[in-house]
Amino acid sequence: MPSFSWRVWPALVHLLFPCAVIAEDPSLLNSWHDVWFFRFLVNMLGYATIIVPGYFLISYFKRSNYLDRGSGLCYPLIKTCVFGGEDKSSLLDDVPVSSRNEPDSGSTVKQALKLMFCAAGLQASYLTWGVLQERVMTRSYGAVAPDHDGEKFKDSQFLVFMNRILALTVSGLWCMLFKQPRHGAPMYMYSFASLSNILSSWCQYEALKFISFPTQVLAKASKVIPVMLMGKLISRKSYEYWEYFTAVLISVGVSMFLLSSTTSKHPSTVTTFSGVVILIGYIVFDSFTSNWQDNLFKYKMSSVQMMFGVNLFSCLFTVGSLLEQGAFFESLAFMTRHSEFAFHAVLLSVCSACGQLFIFYTISQFGAAIFTIIMTLRQAFAILLSCFLYGHSVTIVGGFGVAVVFVALFLRVYARSRMKSSRQPSLPQKV
């Protein structure tokens, strides 16, 4: 039987998955590494080798009533991973998630300062992270001569692993050095947020190869609505009509400002169908992640414990998949060949770890929707800062977009304060 020639690969891939290669020259597709859809499938197969056995083990322990009859050296570990450390009666199941995120009426200033602290930390961490992300995924390394283009780093999953391993180390050391609340959530529940977080990060890295800058702006600026819809699905949250209205205004205002101010300065690649599909995946996975984490805070845990649990499974998933594909040592070899890339990857991981600390703290204090609004406004703040520092002009459309955003934020704060005052019981009058 004649052996399969890899020269047939580009034509076969183009025939079976035309959308996956619409942005690439088929003559350059020499292996499955050049097709994002196959990389996604292989990554999912790698995760499945951990998820599927874990699912059957958890099902077995729950069916066999292991919590009552179990014993031995493995009992504490299995109890923590499958059943958790506290009884369900001690959880805050009867308290709505929204009420846990509402600040006390007597500490408005304190809550405002806390929100400003979270916003500043998120801005600083992820503005730096965004610049490094674009540098790593879109530029070449090792271009020492005009006739030598260098080589690009292609494995987005390895960057996800680098980010998560440092975050795991930081959160683990923090939990060891400082006293934490008694942990009650079953460890396996972190795997849901971990998997969706890995996939959203992977989609965000991959999307840079297939989309134009305006498309990326529109996708990130419109995340508030998907996050709210996912909150209704996961946490059974109920949002008022004014919350949807202000979320739409914020998305529209940020989009107007960013598109009018930055399109000419970011001549990125053309938007393709593959890029749109990857962006949709990013929005869905990212919306699920923040809402699932918000739901997990029903258990009495700190934000650092949440960070440790999510990153523990993230490292497990990514390193298992990388080793199975043989990409782990290839990426390490790339790091040894290009010291500049190694520096960028480590700095990217530091920004990601710091950002995660602020993410989990913000979600635990204010909820997923407020966190998403902060991250949406981050892009507008970046452009405003650039305008002040370098004297760039803001167009009329961009100025109108900024005005729309501030009006939406004012309406949101006003409506929330009116609702809080209407819920407070009136004091009995003295006779």
Protein backbone atom coordinates (compact mmCIF):
# COMPACT_ATOMS: atom_id res chain seq x y z
CA MET A 1 0.00 0.00 0.00
CA PRO A 2 1.51 3.38 -0.93
CA SER A 3 2.34 5.58 2.02
CA PHE A 4 0.45 8.82 2.60
CA SER A 5 2.43 11.79 1.37
CA TRP A 6 2.40 14.88 3.56
CA ARG A 7 2.43 16.97 0.38
CA VAL A 8 -1.24 16.01 -0.01
CA TRP A 9 -1.97 17.51 3.41
CA PRO A 10 -2.65 21.14 2.36
CA ALA A 11 -5.16 20.16 -0.32
CA LEU A 12 -6.92 17.70 2.02
CA VAL A 13 -7.18 20.24 4.85
CA HIS A 14 -8.41 22.93 2.46
CA LEU A 15 -11.07 20.53 1.17
CA LEU A 16 -12.29 19.36 4.59
CA PHE A 17 -11.93 22.60 6.56
CA PRO A 18 -11.92 25.57 4.20
CA CYS A 19 -12.83 28.00 7.00
CA ALA A 20 -9.80 26.98 9.03
CA VAL A 21 -7.34 27.96 6.30
CA ILE A 22 -9.12 30.91 4.76
CA ALA A 23 -6.52 33.29 6.16
CA GLU A 24 -3.49 31.24 5.20
CA ASP A 25 -1.75 30.23 2.04
CA PRO A 26 -2.43 26.49 1.56
CA SER A 27 1.03 26.02 0.16
CA LEU A 28 2.44 26.91 3.58
CA LEU A 29 0.43 24.27 5.47
CA ASN A 30 3.01 21.55 5.90
CA SER A 31 1.58 20.00 9.08
CA TRP A 32 -1.39 20.18 11.40
CA HIS A 33 0.48 22.79 13.46
CA ASP A 34 -0.39 25.32 10.76
CA VAL A 35 -4.18 24.87 11.13
CA TRP A 36 -5.81 26.36 14.21
CA PHE A 37 -8.79 23.98 14.11
CA PHE A 38 -6.58 20.89 14.34
CA ARG A 39 -4.51 22.44 17.12
CA PHE A 40 -7.74 23.09 19.01
CA LEU A 41 -8.94 19.50 18.54
CA VAL A 42 -5.61 18.01 19.58
CA ASN A 43 -5.53 20.24 22.66
CA MET A 44 -9.04 19.10 23.58
CA LEU A 45 -8.03 15.46 23.16
CA GLY A 46 -5.11 16.08 25.50
CA TYR A 47 -7.41 17.58 28.12
CA ALA A 48 -9.84 14.69 27.66
CA THR A 49 -7.16 12.19 28.75
CA ILE A 50 -7.35 13.86 32.17
CA ILE A 51 -11.01 14.88 32.27
CA VAL A 52 -12.58 11.55 31.25
CA PRO A 53 -10.78 9.34 33.84
CA GLY A 54 -11.37 12.02 36.47
CA TYR A 55 -15.10 12.07 35.66
CA PHE A 56 -15.43 8.30 36.10
CA LEU A 57 -13.44 8.34 39.35
CA ILE A 58 -15.58 11.12 40.84
CA SER A 59 -18.77 9.33 39.76
CA TYR A 60 -17.54 6.09 41.33
CA PHE A 61 -16.67 7.69 44.68
CA LYS A 62 -20.06 9.45 44.85
CA ARG A 63 -22.04 6.32 43.91
CA SER A 64 -20.16 4.09 46.35
CA ASN A 65 -20.86 6.39 49.31
CA TYR A 66 -17.12 6.67 49.91
CA LEU A 67 -17.53 9.61 52.29
CA ASP A 68 -19.17 7.40 54.94
CA ARG A 69 -17.24 4.17 54.54
CA GLY A 70 -13.83 5.43 53.31
CA SER A 71 -10.63 5.24 55.34
CA GLY A 72 -6.89 4.99 54.93
CA LEU A 73 -4.11 7.30 53.77
CA CYS A 74 -5.94 8.43 50.63
CA TYR A 75 -9.16 9.32 52.42
CA PRO A 76 -8.31 13.01 53.21
CA LEU A 77 -7.16 13.61 49.63
CA ILE A 78 -10.21 12.00 48.04
CA LYS A 79 -12.53 13.77 50.47
CA THR A 80 -10.99 17.15 49.59
CA CYS A 81 -11.02 16.55 45.83
CA VAL A 82 -14.49 14.97 45.51
CA PHE A 83 -16.57 16.06 48.50
CA GLY A 84 -14.93 19.19 49.91
CA GLY A 85 -14.02 20.12 53.44
CA GLU A 86 -17.34 21.39 54.83
CA ASP A 87 -20.93 20.27 55.01
CA LYS A 88 -23.38 21.76 52.56
CA SER A 89 -25.32 23.24 55.45
CA SER A 90 -22.47 25.64 56.15
CA LEU A 91 -22.49 27.07 52.64
CA LEU A 92 -24.18 30.28 51.64
CA ASP A 93 -26.61 28.53 49.30
CA ASP A 94 -29.56 30.52 50.57
CA VAL A 95 -27.84 33.85 49.99
CA PRO A 96 -28.04 35.21 46.44
CA VAL A 97 -24.71 35.94 44.78
CA SER A 98 -25.76 39.50 44.06
CA SER A 99 -26.32 40.19 47.75
CA ARG A 100 -22.82 39.04 48.63
CA ASN A 101 -21.41 41.58 46.22
CA GLU A 102 -23.50 44.51 47.47
CA PRO A 103 -21.50 46.94 49.63
CA ASP A 104 -22.82 47.92 53.04
CA SER A 105 -24.74 51.16 53.09
CA GLY A 106 -22.47 52.61 55.76
CA SER A 107 -19.20 51.99 53.89
CA THR A 108 -19.78 53.61 50.51
CA VAL A 109 -16.49 55.52 50.55
CA LYS A 110 -14.57 52.42 51.59
CA GLN A 111 -16.17 50.38 48.83
CA ALA A 112 -15.46 53.13 46.29
CA LEU A 113 -11.78 53.19 47.29
CA LYS A 114 -11.65 49.40 47.11
CA LEU A 115 -13.18 49.48 43.62
CA MET A 116 -10.65 52.11 42.50
CA PHE A 117 -7.83 49.95 43.87
CA CYS A 118 -9.09 46.92 41.94
CA ALA A 119 -9.52 48.95 38.75
CA ALA A 120 -6.01 50.44 39.02
CA GLY A 121 -4.43 47.04 39.62
CA LEU A 122 -6.27 45.48 36.70
CA GLN A 123 -5.34 48.37 34.39
CA ALA A 124 -1.63 48.25 35.26
CA SER A 125 -1.36 44.46 35.00
CA TYR A 126 -3.28 43.93 31.80
CA LEU A 127 -2.14 47.00 29.88
CA THR A 128 1.41 45.67 30.18
CA TRP A 129 0.23 42.13 29.49
CA GLY A 130 -1.60 43.21 26.31
CA VAL A 131 1.47 44.92 24.86
CA LEU A 132 3.65 41.88 25.55
CA GLN A 133 1.01 39.51 24.18
CA GLU A 134 0.91 41.28 20.82
CA ARG A 135 4.72 41.37 20.69
CA VAL A 136 5.10 37.65 21.35
CA MET A 137 2.40 36.46 18.93
CA THR A 138 2.88 38.80 15.97
CA ARG A 139 6.64 39.52 15.75
CA SER A 140 9.62 37.34 14.90
CA TYR A 141 12.61 36.51 17.09
CA GLY A 142 16.19 36.15 15.96
CA ALA A 143 16.04 38.44 12.89
CA VAL A 144 19.71 39.51 12.92
CA ALA A 145 20.02 40.35 9.22
CA PRO A 146 17.70 41.86 6.57
CA ASP A 147 17.67 38.61 4.61
CA HIS A 148 16.83 36.58 7.73
CA ASP A 149 13.23 36.94 8.92
CA GLY A 150 13.75 35.05 12.15
CA GLU A 151 11.11 32.69 13.52
CA LYS A 152 7.78 33.22 15.22
CA PHE A 153 6.58 31.46 18.33
CA LYS A 154 3.41 29.57 17.43
CA ASP A 155 2.35 27.48 20.43
CA SER A 156 -0.22 29.54 22.34
CA GLN A 157 -0.80 26.72 24.83
CA PHE A 158 2.77 26.94 26.13
CA LEU A 159 2.27 30.63 26.91
CA VAL A 160 -0.90 29.72 28.82
CA PHE A 161 1.11 27.14 30.78
CA MET A 162 3.84 29.69 31.57
CA ASN A 163 1.25 32.14 32.88
CA ARG A 164 -0.50 29.52 35.02
CA ILE A 165 2.59 27.89 36.57
CA LEU A 166 3.81 31.20 38.00
CA ALA A 167 0.32 32.09 39.25
CA LEU A 168 0.12 28.64 40.92
CA THR A 169 3.47 29.21 42.64
CA VAL A 170 2.53 32.68 43.88
CA SER A 171 -0.88 31.62 45.20
CA GLY A 172 0.54 28.45 46.78
CA LEU A 173 3.22 30.38 48.66
CA TRP A 174 0.63 32.94 49.77
CA CYS A 175 -1.64 30.20 51.16
CA MET A 176 1.31 28.67 53.04
CA LEU A 177 2.54 31.94 54.56
CA PHE A 178 -0.79 33.54 55.49
CA LYS A 179 -3.77 32.04 57.25
CA GLN A 180 -6.69 31.27 54.94
CA PRO A 181 -10.37 30.43 55.61
CA ARG A 182 -11.29 26.80 56.00
CA HIS A 183 -11.67 25.47 52.48
CA GLY A 184 -15.04 23.93 51.64
CA ALA A 185 -15.33 23.56 47.86
CA PRO A 186 -14.61 20.17 46.26
CA MET A 187 -11.37 20.59 44.32
CA TYR A 188 -12.77 19.15 41.10
CA MET A 189 -15.17 22.10 40.81
CA TYR A 190 -12.22 24.36 39.98
CA SER A 191 -11.58 22.31 36.85
CA PHE A 192 -14.60 23.83 35.06
CA ALA A 193 -13.32 27.39 35.42
CA SER A 194 -9.80 26.18 34.73
CA LEU A 195 -10.69 24.53 31.42
CA SER A 196 -12.77 27.48 30.20
CA ASN A 197 -9.99 29.86 31.29
CA ILE A 198 -7.40 27.88 29.31
CA LEU A 199 -9.60 27.83 26.23
CA SER A 200 -10.40 31.54 26.43
CA SER A 201 -6.69 32.38 26.78
CA TRP A 202 -5.84 30.10 23.87
CA CYS A 203 -8.52 31.72 21.70
CA GLN A 204 -7.27 35.17 22.62
CA TYR A 205 -3.72 34.33 21.56
CA GLU A 206 -4.83 32.57 18.37
CA ALA A 207 -7.26 35.32 17.36
CA LEU A 208 -4.34 37.74 16.91
CA LYS A 209 -3.32 35.75 13.83
CA PHE A 210 -6.67 35.97 12.04
CA ILE A 211 -8.48 39.22 12.90
CA SER A 212 -8.12 42.92 12.32
CA PHE A 213 -7.81 45.35 15.20
CA PRO A 214 -11.34 46.83 14.83
CA THR A 215 -12.85 43.34 15.07
CA GLN A 216 -10.86 42.61 18.22
CA VAL A 217 -11.99 45.94 19.70
CA LEU A 218 -15.66 45.27 19.01
CA ALA A 219 -15.45 41.79 20.51
CA LYS A 220 -13.76 42.91 23.73
CA ALA A 221 -15.95 45.97 24.12
CA SER A 222 -19.15 43.92 23.86
CA LYS A 223 -18.28 41.33 26.53
CA VAL A 224 -20.51 42.88 29.18
CA ILE A 225 -23.76 41.57 27.69
CA PRO A 226 -22.52 37.95 27.21
CA VAL A 227 -21.23 37.93 30.80
CA MET A 228 -24.64 39.03 32.10
CA LEU A 229 -26.43 36.43 29.97
CA MET A 230 -24.04 33.72 31.16
CA GLY A 231 -24.73 34.83 34.74
CA LYS A 232 -28.43 34.16 34.22
CA LEU A 233 -27.60 30.71 32.87
CA ILE A 234 -25.05 29.63 35.50
CA SER A 235 -25.94 31.48 38.70
CA ARG A 236 -29.64 32.10 37.95
CA LYS A 237 -28.94 35.81 38.43
CA SER A 238 -31.63 38.34 37.64
CA TYR A 239 -30.65 41.68 36.14
CA GLU A 240 -32.80 44.78 35.93
CA TYR A 241 -33.61 46.36 32.59
CA TRP A 242 -31.45 49.39 33.42
CA GLU A 243 -28.45 47.10 33.90
CA TYR A 244 -28.83 45.72 30.38
CA PHE A 245 -29.41 49.23 29.04
CA THR A 246 -26.28 50.68 30.67
CA ALA A 247 -24.22 47.65 29.58
CA VAL A 248 -25.23 48.25 25.96
CA LEU A 249 -24.40 51.97 26.31
CA ILE A 250 -20.95 51.16 27.73
CA SER A 251 -20.22 48.71 24.90
CA VAL A 252 -21.37 51.16 22.22
CA GLY A 253 -19.47 54.09 23.75
CA VAL A 254 -16.19 52.18 24.15
CA SER A 255 -16.48 50.79 20.60
CA MET A 256 -17.08 54.27 19.13
CA PHE A 257 -14.12 55.73 20.98
CA LEU A 258 -11.68 52.92 20.20
CA LEU A 259 -12.62 52.52 16.54
CA SER A 260 -12.41 56.24 15.84
CA SER A 261 -9.12 56.69 17.71
CA THR A 262 -7.06 53.60 16.90
CA THR A 263 -8.04 52.05 13.57
CA SER A 264 -5.41 53.92 11.58
CA LYS A 265 -2.66 53.05 14.02
CA HIS A 266 -3.18 49.29 13.99
CA PRO A 267 -2.97 47.97 10.43
CA SER A 268 -3.56 44.37 11.41
CA THR A 269 -4.49 41.43 9.25
CA VAL A 270 -7.86 41.21 7.55
CA THR A 271 -10.69 39.69 9.52
CA THR A 272 -11.49 36.15 8.42
CA PHE A 273 -14.22 33.68 9.25
CA SER A 274 -11.70 31.72 11.32
CA GLY A 275 -10.95 34.83 13.36
CA VAL A 276 -14.65 35.47 14.02
CA VAL A 277 -15.17 31.87 15.16
CA ILE A 278 -12.18 32.07 17.51
CA LEU A 279 -13.41 35.38 18.92
CA ILE A 280 -16.87 33.91 19.60
CA GLY A 281 -15.17 31.05 21.43
CA TYR A 282 -13.13 33.54 23.45
CA ILE A 283 -16.23 35.51 24.51
CA VAL A 284 -18.20 32.38 25.46
CA PHE A 285 -15.37 30.75 27.44
CA ASP A 286 -14.38 34.01 29.16
CA SER A 287 -17.99 34.76 30.15
CA PHE A 288 -18.36 31.28 31.62
CA THR A 289 -15.08 31.55 33.57
CA SER A 290 -15.88 34.73 35.51
CA ASN A 291 -19.44 33.64 36.28
CA TRP A 292 -18.41 30.15 37.43
CA GLN A 293 -15.77 31.68 39.71
CA ASP A 294 -18.35 34.11 41.04
CA ASN A 295 -20.64 31.17 41.75
CA LEU A 296 -17.84 29.26 43.52
CA PHE A 297 -17.41 32.11 45.99
CA LYS A 298 -20.57 30.79 47.67
CA TYR A 299 -18.09 28.58 49.47
CA LYS A 300 -16.16 30.30 52.22
CA MET A 301 -12.84 30.82 50.45
CA SER A 302 -10.39 33.63 49.82
CA SER A 303 -9.52 34.96 46.37
CA VAL A 304 -6.03 33.45 46.70
CA GLN A 305 -7.51 30.00 47.37
CA MET A 306 -9.61 30.41 44.24
CA MET A 307 -6.51 31.40 42.30
CA PHE A 308 -4.62 28.33 43.55
CA GLY A 309 -7.42 25.89 42.72
CA VAL A 310 -8.02 27.20 39.20
CA ASN A 311 -4.32 27.36 38.31
CA LEU A 312 -3.65 23.89 39.73
CA PHE A 313 -5.95 22.33 37.15
CA SER A 314 -4.77 24.72 34.44
CA CYS A 315 -1.18 23.54 34.90
CA LEU A 316 -2.32 19.92 34.96
CA PHE A 317 -4.32 20.29 31.73
CA THR A 318 -1.75 22.27 29.78
CA VAL A 319 1.39 20.36 30.73
CA GLY A 320 -0.36 17.03 30.02
CA SER A 321 -1.47 18.21 26.59
CA LEU A 322 1.92 19.72 25.75
CA LEU A 323 3.78 16.54 26.70
CA GLU A 324 1.40 14.35 24.71
CA GLN A 325 1.92 16.53 21.61
CA GLY A 326 5.68 16.80 22.09
CA ALA A 327 5.36 20.59 22.08
CA PHE A 328 6.65 21.15 25.61
CA PHE A 329 10.32 20.52 24.84
CA GLU A 330 10.06 22.26 21.46
CA SER A 331 8.89 25.40 23.23
CA LEU A 332 11.68 25.11 25.80
CA ALA A 333 14.16 24.80 22.93
CA PHE A 334 12.72 27.98 21.40
CA MET A 335 13.29 29.74 24.72
CA THR A 336 16.92 28.63 24.81
CA ARG A 337 17.47 29.84 21.24
CA HIS A 338 15.92 33.25 21.87
CA SER A 339 16.69 34.84 25.22
CA GLU A 340 14.50 37.84 24.34
CA PHE A 341 11.49 35.53 24.03
CA ALA A 342 12.33 33.93 27.39
CA PHE A 343 12.37 37.38 29.01
CA HIS A 344 9.06 38.34 27.38
CA ALA A 345 7.44 35.04 28.41
CA VAL A 346 8.52 35.45 32.05
CA LEU A 347 7.38 39.09 32.13
CA LEU A 348 4.08 38.05 30.53
CA SER A 349 3.64 35.46 33.28
CA VAL A 350 4.38 38.00 36.03
CA CYS A 351 1.75 40.39 34.63
CA SER A 352 -0.72 37.52 34.34
CA ALA A 353 -0.13 36.39 37.94
CA CYS A 354 -0.56 39.92 39.31
CA GLY A 355 -3.63 40.39 37.15
CA GLN A 356 -5.16 37.17 38.45
CA LEU A 357 -4.79 38.35 42.03
CA PHE A 358 -6.83 41.44 41.15
CA ILE A 359 -9.31 39.42 39.06
CA PHE A 360 -10.28 36.99 41.81
CA TYR A 361 -10.38 39.73 44.44
CA THR A 362 -12.59 41.94 42.24
CA ILE A 363 -14.99 39.10 41.41
CA SER A 364 -15.25 38.07 45.08
CA GLN A 365 -16.03 41.66 46.14
CA PHE A 366 -18.11 43.06 43.28
CA GLY A 367 -19.17 40.20 40.99
CA ALA A 368 -18.48 39.17 37.40
CA ALA A 369 -20.42 41.97 35.69
CA ILE A 370 -18.57 44.81 37.44
CA PHE A 371 -15.25 43.08 36.74
CA THR A 372 -16.11 42.87 33.03
CA ILE A 373 -17.04 46.56 32.92
CA ILE A 374 -13.65 47.44 34.43
CA MET A 375 -11.85 45.31 31.84
CA THR A 376 -13.93 46.84 29.03
CA LEU A 377 -13.08 50.38 30.13
CA ARG A 378 -9.40 49.38 30.32
CA GLN A 379 -9.04 49.77 26.55
CA ALA A 380 -10.54 53.27 26.58
CA PHE A 381 -8.25 54.29 29.44
CA ALA A 382 -5.25 53.11 27.43
CA ILE A 383 -6.18 55.34 24.50
CA LEU A 384 -6.95 58.33 26.75
CA LEU A 385 -3.55 57.92 28.42
CA SER A 386 -1.89 57.81 25.00
CA CYS A 387 -3.72 61.01 24.00
CA PHE A 388 -2.53 62.87 27.10
CA LEU A 389 1.06 61.62 26.91
CA TYR A 390 1.68 61.98 23.18
CA GLY A 391 -0.75 64.74 22.22
CA HIS A 392 -2.97 62.63 19.96
CA SER A 393 -6.26 64.23 19.05
CA VAL A 394 -9.63 62.70 19.87
CA THR A 395 -12.18 62.78 17.05
CA ILE A 396 -15.73 64.05 17.47
CA VAL A 397 -17.05 60.48 17.28
CA GLY A 398 -14.52 59.37 19.89
CA GLY A 399 -15.47 62.23 22.21
CA PHE A 400 -19.13 61.36 21.84
CA GLY A 401 -18.31 57.73 22.70
CA VAL A 402 -16.53 58.84 25.89
CA ALA A 403 -19.57 60.94 26.82
CA VAL A 404 -21.86 57.94 26.27
CA VAL A 405 -19.68 55.80 28.57
CA PHE A 406 -19.73 58.36 31.39
CA VAL A 407 -23.49 58.83 31.06
CA ALA A 408 -23.96 55.05 31.25
CA LEU A 409 -21.75 54.79 34.35
CA PHE A 410 -23.62 57.68 36.01
CA LEU A 411 -26.99 56.04 35.26
CA ARG A 412 -25.74 52.73 36.64
CA VAL A 413 -24.53 54.27 39.90
CA TYR A 414 -27.67 56.39 40.27
CA ALA A 415 -30.05 53.46 39.61
CA ARG A 416 -28.13 51.19 41.99
CA SER A 417 -28.23 53.78 44.80
CA ARG A 418 -31.97 54.33 44.26
CA MET A 419 -32.62 50.59 44.46
CA LYS A 420 -30.54 50.25 47.63
CA SER A 421 -32.37 53.11 49.33
CA SER A 422 -35.76 51.66 48.37
CA ARG A 423 -34.81 48.26 49.84
CA GLN A 424 -33.80 49.69 53.22
CA PRO A 425 -36.63 49.46 55.77
CA SER A 426 -37.83 52.79 57.09
CA LEU A 427 -37.01 53.53 60.72
CA PRO A 428 -39.94 53.59 63.17
CA GLN A 429 -40.93 57.08 64.19
CA LYS A 430 -40.70 58.04 67.84
CA VAL A 431 -43.94 59.10 69.46
